[in-house]
Amino acid sequence: MQMKKILGILIMGGSLLGCKEKPSKKEEIKPKVEFNQDLADELKKMAEIDQIAAYIPQGEYKKMSDEEWIFFKDSVFTTHQKRIREIFDKNGFVGFDLAGKEGSDNFWLIVQHSDHNPEFQKEVLKKMKIEVDKGNAQPSSYGLLVDRVKLNTGEKQIYGTQVAYNAKTGQAYPKKLADSSTVNSRRKAIGLEPIEVYLNRMSEMHFEMNKEGYLKIGITEPKLYKTK
């Protein structure tokens, strides 16, 4: 009788151990994302054209009339919007694992410039946050898209990355900003430099791009903020 009790205990213990070894559905391992060189190459080409269309005409594009330039810009953004939507629907936010850091940044850049479709930007933002939390996307870029979406939907930006310029001084200043007194702590948390340094850099870039016009009105350099 004693022997039967012992055997019973051993059998039950073995059954419990067996149960522990069975993986649950929640613990199923997701397949590893494979790097896609073709996608990375495509995004690089798209980003190069996007950068041209996002700024004032340079080089051969200066020969275009105003109407031709507007048509070019619209066609670039419309074409890219359609393609980037297809990529997003298939892959979610393109992270470092799928297209490398450059490819991920290029995907983000095109979304960043999709101001005509803020609802799409919001969709991407949610998926991007997931990848940022996994270390699979750039936190600072996430911050820039947060600000873009906030402004495009009528809210105040968080990190002060979206700027306008004083036409009389060339100095950059942040568009409507939430709680400016603590903005630098928020910026630091996602790897951005102090806002004064950022605004000075943007002022200098803007001045160089519009130097001819500023020189005509007697401005030889942009007004800058004091930095620590």
C-alpha atoms as a PDB file:
ATOM      1  CA  MET A   1       0.000   0.000   0.000  1.00  0.00           C
ATOM      2  CA  GLN A   2       2.839   2.364   0.941  1.00  0.00           C
ATOM      3  CA  MET A   3       4.602   1.556  -2.338  1.00  0.00           C
ATOM      4  CA  LYS A   4       1.448   2.477  -4.335  1.00  0.00           C
ATOM      5  CA  LYS A   5       1.294   5.886  -2.590  1.00  0.00           C
ATOM      6  CA  ILE A   6       4.921   6.579  -3.441  1.00  0.00           C
ATOM      7  CA  LEU A   7       4.387   5.592  -7.097  1.00  0.00           C
ATOM      8  CA  GLY A   8       1.313   7.824  -7.230  1.00  0.00           C
ATOM      9  CA  ILE A   9       3.250  10.819  -5.925  1.00  0.00           C
ATOM     10  CA  LEU A  10       6.050  10.249  -8.461  1.00  0.00           C
ATOM     11  CA  ILE A  11       3.589  10.010 -11.350  1.00  0.00           C
ATOM     12  CA  MET A  12       1.828  13.235 -10.300  1.00  0.00           C
ATOM     13  CA  GLY A  13       5.179  15.024  -9.936  1.00  0.00           C
ATOM     14  CA  GLY A  14       6.222  13.865 -13.385  1.00  0.00           C
ATOM     15  CA  SER A  15       2.953  15.131 -14.827  1.00  0.00           C
ATOM     16  CA  LEU A  16       3.439  18.559 -13.239  1.00  0.00           C
ATOM     17  CA  LEU A  17       6.976  18.819 -14.590  1.00  0.00           C
ATOM     18  CA  GLY A  18       5.739  17.841 -18.007  1.00  0.00           C
ATOM     19  CA  CYS A  19       3.135  20.609 -17.899  1.00  0.00           C
ATOM     20  CA  LYS A  20       5.749  23.232 -17.051  1.00  0.00           C
ATOM     21  CA  GLU A  21       7.816  22.310 -20.098  1.00  0.00           C
ATOM     22  CA  LYS A  22       4.987  22.974 -22.543  1.00  0.00           C
ATOM     23  CA  PRO A  23       5.275  26.535 -23.949  1.00  0.00           C
ATOM     24  CA  SER A  24       2.154  28.644 -23.775  1.00  0.00           C
ATOM     25  CA  LYS A  25       0.747  30.430 -26.787  1.00  0.00           C
ATOM     26  CA  LYS A  26       1.789  33.761 -25.282  1.00  0.00           C
ATOM     27  CA  GLU A  27       5.423  32.616 -25.150  1.00  0.00           C
ATOM     28  CA  GLU A  28       5.626  31.738 -28.831  1.00  0.00           C
ATOM     29  CA  ILE A  29       8.788  33.224 -30.316  1.00  0.00           C
ATOM     30  CA  LYS A  30       8.221  35.696 -33.134  1.00  0.00           C
ATOM     31  CA  PRO A  31      10.253  35.093 -36.308  1.00  0.00           C
ATOM     32  CA  LYS A  32      13.407  37.174 -36.572  1.00  0.00           C
ATOM     33  CA  VAL A  33      13.176  40.136 -38.951  1.00  0.00           C
ATOM     34  CA  GLU A  34      15.583  39.766 -41.871  1.00  0.00           C
ATOM     35  CA  PHE A  35      17.459  42.775 -43.223  1.00  0.00           C
ATOM     36  CA  ASN A  36      16.017  43.895 -46.575  1.00  0.00           C
ATOM     37  CA  GLN A  37      18.685  45.520 -48.740  1.00  0.00           C
ATOM     38  CA  ASP A  38      16.291  46.232 -51.622  1.00  0.00           C
ATOM     39  CA  LEU A  39      14.004  48.151 -49.263  1.00  0.00           C
ATOM     40  CA  ALA A  40      16.945  50.058 -47.784  1.00  0.00           C
ATOM     41  CA  ASP A  41      18.097  51.047 -51.294  1.00  0.00           C
ATOM     42  CA  GLU A  42      14.601  52.111 -52.316  1.00  0.00           C
ATOM     43  CA  LEU A  43      14.161  54.261 -49.209  1.00  0.00           C
ATOM     44  CA  LYS A  44      17.541  55.913 -49.818  1.00  0.00           C
ATOM     45  CA  LYS A  45      16.520  56.962 -53.326  1.00  0.00           C
ATOM     46  CA  MET A  46      13.142  58.186 -52.099  1.00  0.00           C
ATOM     47  CA  ALA A  47      14.759  60.231 -49.323  1.00  0.00           C
ATOM     48  CA  GLU A  48      17.206  61.887 -51.710  1.00  0.00           C
ATOM     49  CA  ILE A  49      14.365  63.131 -53.932  1.00  0.00           C
ATOM     50  CA  ASP A  50      12.273  64.024 -50.883  1.00  0.00           C
ATOM     51  CA  GLN A  51      15.061  66.275 -49.569  1.00  0.00           C
ATOM     52  CA  ILE A  52      15.213  68.100 -52.887  1.00  0.00           C
ATOM     53  CA  ALA A  53      11.453  68.689 -52.916  1.00  0.00           C
ATOM     54  CA  ALA A  54      11.310  69.725 -49.242  1.00  0.00           C
ATOM     55  CA  TYR A  55      13.512  72.805 -49.659  1.00  0.00           C
ATOM     56  CA  ILE A  56      13.900  75.763 -52.005  1.00  0.00           C
ATOM     57  CA  PRO A  57      15.023  74.987 -55.585  1.00  0.00           C
ATOM     58  CA  GLN A  58      18.732  74.246 -55.874  1.00  0.00           C
ATOM     59  CA  GLY A  59      21.010  73.628 -58.871  1.00  0.00           C
ATOM     60  CA  GLU A  60      19.162  72.654 -62.042  1.00  0.00           C
ATOM     61  CA  TYR A  61      15.826  72.983 -60.250  1.00  0.00           C
ATOM     62  CA  LYS A  62      16.313  76.766 -60.122  1.00  0.00           C
ATOM     63  CA  LYS A  63      15.532  76.793 -63.841  1.00  0.00           C
ATOM     64  CA  MET A  64      11.957  75.689 -63.149  1.00  0.00           C
ATOM     65  CA  SER A  65       9.121  78.192 -63.145  1.00  0.00           C
ATOM     66  CA  ASP A  66       7.087  78.549 -59.946  1.00  0.00           C
ATOM     67  CA  GLU A  67       4.336  76.416 -61.471  1.00  0.00           C
ATOM     68  CA  GLU A  68       6.778  73.702 -62.539  1.00  0.00           C
ATOM     69  CA  TRP A  69       8.394  73.640 -59.086  1.00  0.00           C
ATOM     70  CA  ILE A  70       5.042  73.319 -57.315  1.00  0.00           C
ATOM     71  CA  PHE A  71       4.026  70.505 -59.683  1.00  0.00           C
ATOM     72  CA  PHE A  72       7.343  68.735 -59.045  1.00  0.00           C
ATOM     73  CA  LYS A  73       6.978  68.996 -55.266  1.00  0.00           C
ATOM     74  CA  ASP A  74       3.376  67.786 -55.302  1.00  0.00           C
ATOM     75  CA  SER A  75       4.168  64.826 -57.554  1.00  0.00           C
ATOM     76  CA  VAL A  76       7.096  63.759 -55.348  1.00  0.00           C
ATOM     77  CA  PHE A  77       5.096  63.916 -52.113  1.00  0.00           C
ATOM     78  CA  THR A  78       2.030  62.242 -53.641  1.00  0.00           C
ATOM     79  CA  THR A  79       4.049  59.383 -55.149  1.00  0.00           C
ATOM     80  CA  HIS A  80       6.070  58.878 -51.985  1.00  0.00           C
ATOM     81  CA  GLN A  81       2.977  58.978 -49.788  1.00  0.00           C
ATOM     82  CA  LYS A  82       1.399  56.125 -51.742  1.00  0.00           C
ATOM     83  CA  ARG A  83       4.537  53.982 -51.632  1.00  0.00           C
ATOM     84  CA  ILE A  84       5.363  54.678 -47.985  1.00  0.00           C
ATOM     85  CA  ARG A  85       1.793  53.687 -47.076  1.00  0.00           C
ATOM     86  CA  GLU A  86       2.318  50.325 -48.809  1.00  0.00           C
ATOM     87  CA  ILE A  87       5.589  49.775 -46.941  1.00  0.00           C
ATOM     88  CA  PHE A  88       3.988  50.735 -43.623  1.00  0.00           C
ATOM     89  CA  ASP A  89       0.962  48.465 -44.129  1.00  0.00           C
ATOM     90  CA  LYS A  90       3.301  45.548 -44.768  1.00  0.00           C
ATOM     91  CA  ASN A  91       6.012  46.175 -42.167  1.00  0.00           C
ATOM     92  CA  GLY A  92       4.756  48.697 -39.624  1.00  0.00           C
ATOM     93  CA  PHE A  93       7.438  51.251 -38.761  1.00  0.00           C
ATOM     94  CA  VAL A  94      10.661  50.343 -40.551  1.00  0.00           C
ATOM     95  CA  GLY A  95      13.212  49.739 -37.804  1.00  0.00           C
ATOM     96  CA  PHE A  96      16.970  49.237 -37.742  1.00  0.00           C
ATOM     97  CA  ASP A  97      16.574  45.467 -38.065  1.00  0.00           C
ATOM     98  CA  LEU A  98      14.670  45.647 -41.355  1.00  0.00           C
ATOM     99  CA  ALA A  99      16.530  48.393 -43.222  1.00  0.00           C
ATOM    100  CA  GLY A 100      19.458  49.519 -41.054  1.00  0.00           C
ATOM    101  CA  LYS A 101      19.741  52.862 -39.272  1.00  0.00           C
ATOM    102  CA  GLU A 102      19.933  54.834 -42.516  1.00  0.00           C
ATOM    103  CA  GLY A 103      16.928  53.020 -43.996  1.00  0.00           C
ATOM    104  CA  SER A 104      14.895  53.544 -40.825  1.00  0.00           C
ATOM    105  CA  ASP A 105      15.817  57.255 -40.788  1.00  0.00           C
ATOM    106  CA  ASN A 106      14.869  57.585 -44.454  1.00  0.00           C
ATOM    107  CA  PHE A 107      11.477  55.996 -43.837  1.00  0.00           C
ATOM    108  CA  TRP A 108      10.909  58.388 -40.929  1.00  0.00           C
ATOM    109  CA  LEU A 109      11.972  61.393 -43.020  1.00  0.00           C
ATOM    110  CA  ILE A 110       9.336  60.756 -45.681  1.00  0.00           C
ATOM    111  CA  VAL A 111       6.650  60.312 -43.012  1.00  0.00           C
ATOM    112  CA  GLN A 112       7.878  63.528 -41.350  1.00  0.00           C
ATOM    113  CA  HIS A 113       7.234  65.395 -44.602  1.00  0.00           C
ATOM    114  CA  SER A 114       3.736  63.906 -45.079  1.00  0.00           C
ATOM    115  CA  ASP A 115       2.102  66.966 -43.518  1.00  0.00           C
ATOM    116  CA  HIS A 116      -0.826  66.748 -45.903  1.00  0.00           C
ATOM    117  CA  ASN A 117      -1.864  63.529 -44.149  1.00  0.00           C
ATOM    118  CA  PRO A 118      -1.568  63.980 -40.349  1.00  0.00           C
ATOM    119  CA  GLU A 119      -3.771  60.960 -39.665  1.00  0.00           C
ATOM    120  CA  PHE A 120      -1.201  58.763 -41.406  1.00  0.00           C
ATOM    121  CA  GLN A 121       1.568  60.428 -39.401  1.00  0.00           C
ATOM    122  CA  LYS A 122      -0.349  59.572 -36.203  1.00  0.00           C
ATOM    123  CA  GLU A 123      -0.635  55.926 -37.268  1.00  0.00           C
ATOM    124  CA  VAL A 124       3.093  55.718 -37.902  1.00  0.00           C
ATOM    125  CA  LEU A 125       3.863  57.460 -34.613  1.00  0.00           C
ATOM    126  CA  LYS A 126       2.128  54.726 -32.596  1.00  0.00           C
ATOM    127  CA  LYS A 127       4.106  51.986 -34.333  1.00  0.00           C
ATOM    128  CA  MET A 128       7.326  53.961 -34.091  1.00  0.00           C
ATOM    129  CA  LYS A 129       6.962  54.248 -30.303  1.00  0.00           C
ATOM    130  CA  ILE A 130       6.927  50.441 -30.080  1.00  0.00           C
ATOM    131  CA  GLU A 131      10.199  50.223 -32.016  1.00  0.00           C
ATOM    132  CA  VAL A 132      11.791  53.048 -30.011  1.00  0.00           C
ATOM    133  CA  ASP A 133      10.979  51.210 -26.783  1.00  0.00           C
ATOM    134  CA  LYS A 134      12.691  48.109 -28.203  1.00  0.00           C
ATOM    135  CA  GLY A 135      15.782  50.103 -29.186  1.00  0.00           C
ATOM    136  CA  ASN A 136      14.914  49.529 -32.848  1.00  0.00           C
ATOM    137  CA  ALA A 137      14.296  53.172 -33.862  1.00  0.00           C
ATOM    138  CA  GLN A 138      15.781  56.592 -33.129  1.00  0.00           C
ATOM    139  CA  PRO A 139      14.273  58.343 -30.037  1.00  0.00           C
ATOM    140  CA  SER A 140      15.233  61.823 -31.256  1.00  0.00           C
ATOM    141  CA  SER A 141      13.487  61.233 -34.578  1.00  0.00           C
ATOM    142  CA  TYR A 142      10.436  60.055 -32.665  1.00  0.00           C
ATOM    143  CA  GLY A 143      10.444  63.396 -30.847  1.00  0.00           C
ATOM    144  CA  LEU A 144      10.500  65.326 -34.109  1.00  0.00           C
ATOM    145  CA  LEU A 145       7.528  63.353 -35.421  1.00  0.00           C
ATOM    146  CA  VAL A 146       5.648  63.880 -32.141  1.00  0.00           C
ATOM    147  CA  ASP A 147       6.046  67.641 -32.593  1.00  0.00           C
ATOM    148  CA  ARG A 148       5.024  67.477 -36.239  1.00  0.00           C
ATOM    149  CA  VAL A 149       1.861  65.550 -35.423  1.00  0.00           C
ATOM    150  CA  LYS A 150       1.004  67.836 -32.509  1.00  0.00           C
ATOM    151  CA  LEU A 151       1.176  70.958 -34.654  1.00  0.00           C
ATOM    152  CA  ASN A 152      -0.570  69.327 -37.607  1.00  0.00           C
ATOM    153  CA  THR A 153      -3.501  68.436 -35.356  1.00  0.00           C
ATOM    154  CA  GLY A 154      -3.778  71.827 -33.660  1.00  0.00           C
ATOM    155  CA  GLU A 155      -1.884  71.073 -30.447  1.00  0.00           C
ATOM    156  CA  LYS A 156       1.288  72.531 -28.913  1.00  0.00           C
ATOM    157  CA  GLN A 157       4.556  70.778 -29.642  1.00  0.00           C
ATOM    158  CA  ILE A 158       6.498  69.035 -26.863  1.00  0.00           C
ATOM    159  CA  TYR A 159      10.175  69.262 -27.831  1.00  0.00           C
ATOM    160  CA  GLY A 160      10.369  72.538 -29.778  1.00  0.00           C
ATOM    161  CA  THR A 161      11.741  70.967 -32.945  1.00  0.00           C
ATOM    162  CA  GLN A 162       9.409  72.748 -35.374  1.00  0.00           C
ATOM    163  CA  VAL A 163      10.471  76.316 -36.006  1.00  0.00           C
ATOM    164  CA  ALA A 164       9.639  79.539 -37.810  1.00  0.00           C
ATOM    165  CA  TYR A 165      11.953  82.475 -38.573  1.00  0.00           C
ATOM    166  CA  ASN A 166      12.018  86.180 -37.822  1.00  0.00           C
ATOM    167  CA  ALA A 167      12.238  87.795 -41.261  1.00  0.00           C
ATOM    168  CA  LYS A 168      14.016  90.868 -39.866  1.00  0.00           C
ATOM    169  CA  THR A 169      16.772  89.040 -37.943  1.00  0.00           C
ATOM    170  CA  GLY A 170      16.929  85.530 -39.455  1.00  0.00           C
ATOM    171  CA  GLN A 171      16.556  84.078 -35.961  1.00  0.00           C
ATOM    172  CA  ALA A 172      14.679  80.798 -35.568  1.00  0.00           C
ATOM    173  CA  TYR A 173      12.058  80.404 -32.862  1.00  0.00           C
ATOM    174  CA  PRO A 174       9.884  77.435 -31.901  1.00  0.00           C
ATOM    175  CA  LYS A 175       6.293  77.341 -33.078  1.00  0.00           C
ATOM    176  CA  LYS A 176       3.690  77.107 -30.294  1.00  0.00           C
ATOM    177  CA  LEU A 177       5.339  75.156 -27.508  1.00  0.00           C
ATOM    178  CA  ALA A 178       4.010  73.519 -24.342  1.00  0.00           C
ATOM    179  CA  ASP A 179       5.787  74.501 -21.103  1.00  0.00           C
ATOM    180  CA  SER A 180       8.891  76.161 -22.549  1.00  0.00           C
ATOM    181  CA  SER A 181      10.584  76.346 -19.123  1.00  0.00           C
ATOM    182  CA  THR A 182      11.142  72.572 -19.011  1.00  0.00           C
ATOM    183  CA  VAL A 183      11.652  71.892 -22.710  1.00  0.00           C
ATOM    184  CA  ASN A 184      15.378  71.153 -22.359  1.00  0.00           C
ATOM    185  CA  SER A 185      14.783  68.351 -19.852  1.00  0.00           C
ATOM    186  CA  ARG A 186      12.308  66.771 -22.262  1.00  0.00           C
ATOM    187  CA  ARG A 187      14.748  67.164 -25.133  1.00  0.00           C
ATOM    188  CA  LYS A 188      17.581  65.618 -23.123  1.00  0.00           C
ATOM    189  CA  ALA A 189      15.441  62.568 -22.347  1.00  0.00           C
ATOM    190  CA  ILE A 190      15.301  61.643 -26.045  1.00  0.00           C
ATOM    191  CA  GLY A 191      18.860  62.615 -26.957  1.00  0.00           C
ATOM    192  CA  LEU A 192      18.303  66.127 -28.330  1.00  0.00           C
ATOM    193  CA  GLU A 193      20.674  69.021 -27.650  1.00  0.00           C
ATOM    194  CA  PRO A 194      19.534  72.129 -25.700  1.00  0.00           C
ATOM    195  CA  ILE A 195      16.956  74.113 -27.620  1.00  0.00           C
ATOM    196  CA  GLU A 196      19.176  77.217 -27.805  1.00  0.00           C
ATOM    197  CA  VAL A 197      21.891  75.235 -29.604  1.00  0.00           C
ATOM    198  CA  TYR A 198      19.304  73.722 -31.932  1.00  0.00           C
ATOM    199  CA  LEU A 199      17.677  77.061 -32.759  1.00  0.00           C
ATOM    200  CA  ASN A 200      21.067  78.630 -33.495  1.00  0.00           C
ATOM    201  CA  ARG A 201      21.912  75.802 -35.890  1.00  0.00           C
ATOM    202  CA  MET A 202      18.559  76.185 -37.638  1.00  0.00           C
ATOM    203  CA  SER A 203      19.066  79.980 -37.830  1.00  0.00           C
ATOM    204  CA  GLU A 204      22.457  79.548 -39.498  1.00  0.00           C
ATOM    205  CA  MET A 205      21.147  76.979 -41.975  1.00  0.00           C
ATOM    206  CA  HIS A 206      18.160  79.159 -42.852  1.00  0.00           C
ATOM    207  CA  PHE A 207      20.384  82.201 -43.297  1.00  0.00           C
ATOM    208  CA  GLU A 208      22.709  80.374 -45.697  1.00  0.00           C
ATOM    209  CA  MET A 209      19.770  79.103 -47.749  1.00  0.00           C
ATOM    210  CA  ASN A 210      18.320  82.629 -47.986  1.00  0.00           C
ATOM    211  CA  LYS A 211      21.545  84.613 -47.827  1.00  0.00           C
ATOM    212  CA  GLU A 212      20.955  86.611 -50.989  1.00  0.00           C
ATOM    213  CA  GLY A 213      17.645  87.956 -49.707  1.00  0.00           C
ATOM    214  CA  TYR A 214      18.985  88.788 -46.244  1.00  0.00           C
ATOM    215  CA  LEU A 215      22.001  90.628 -47.650  1.00  0.00           C
ATOM    216  CA  LYS A 216      19.668  92.810 -49.704  1.00  0.00           C
ATOM    217  CA  ILE A 217      18.032  94.069 -46.510  1.00  0.00           C
ATOM    218  CA  GLY A 218      21.351  94.580 -44.741  1.00  0.00           C
ATOM    219  CA  ILE A 219      21.488  91.421 -42.604  1.00  0.00           C
ATOM    220  CA  THR A 220      24.960  89.850 -42.813  1.00  0.00           C
ATOM    221  CA  GLU A 221      24.414  87.166 -40.168  1.00  0.00           C
ATOM    222  CA  PRO A 222      21.462  85.775 -38.221  1.00  0.00           C
ATOM    223  CA  LYS A 223      20.716  86.785 -34.637  1.00  0.00           C
ATOM    224  CA  LEU A 224      21.606  83.934 -32.273  1.00  0.00           C
ATOM    225  CA  TYR A 225      20.612  82.877 -28.756  1.00  0.00           C
ATOM    226  CA  LYS A 226      23.042  82.837 -25.841  1.00  0.00           C
ATOM    227  CA  THR A 227      24.218  79.357 -24.923  1.00  0.00           C
ATOM    228  CA  LYS A 228      25.827  78.025 -21.771  1.00  0.00           C
END
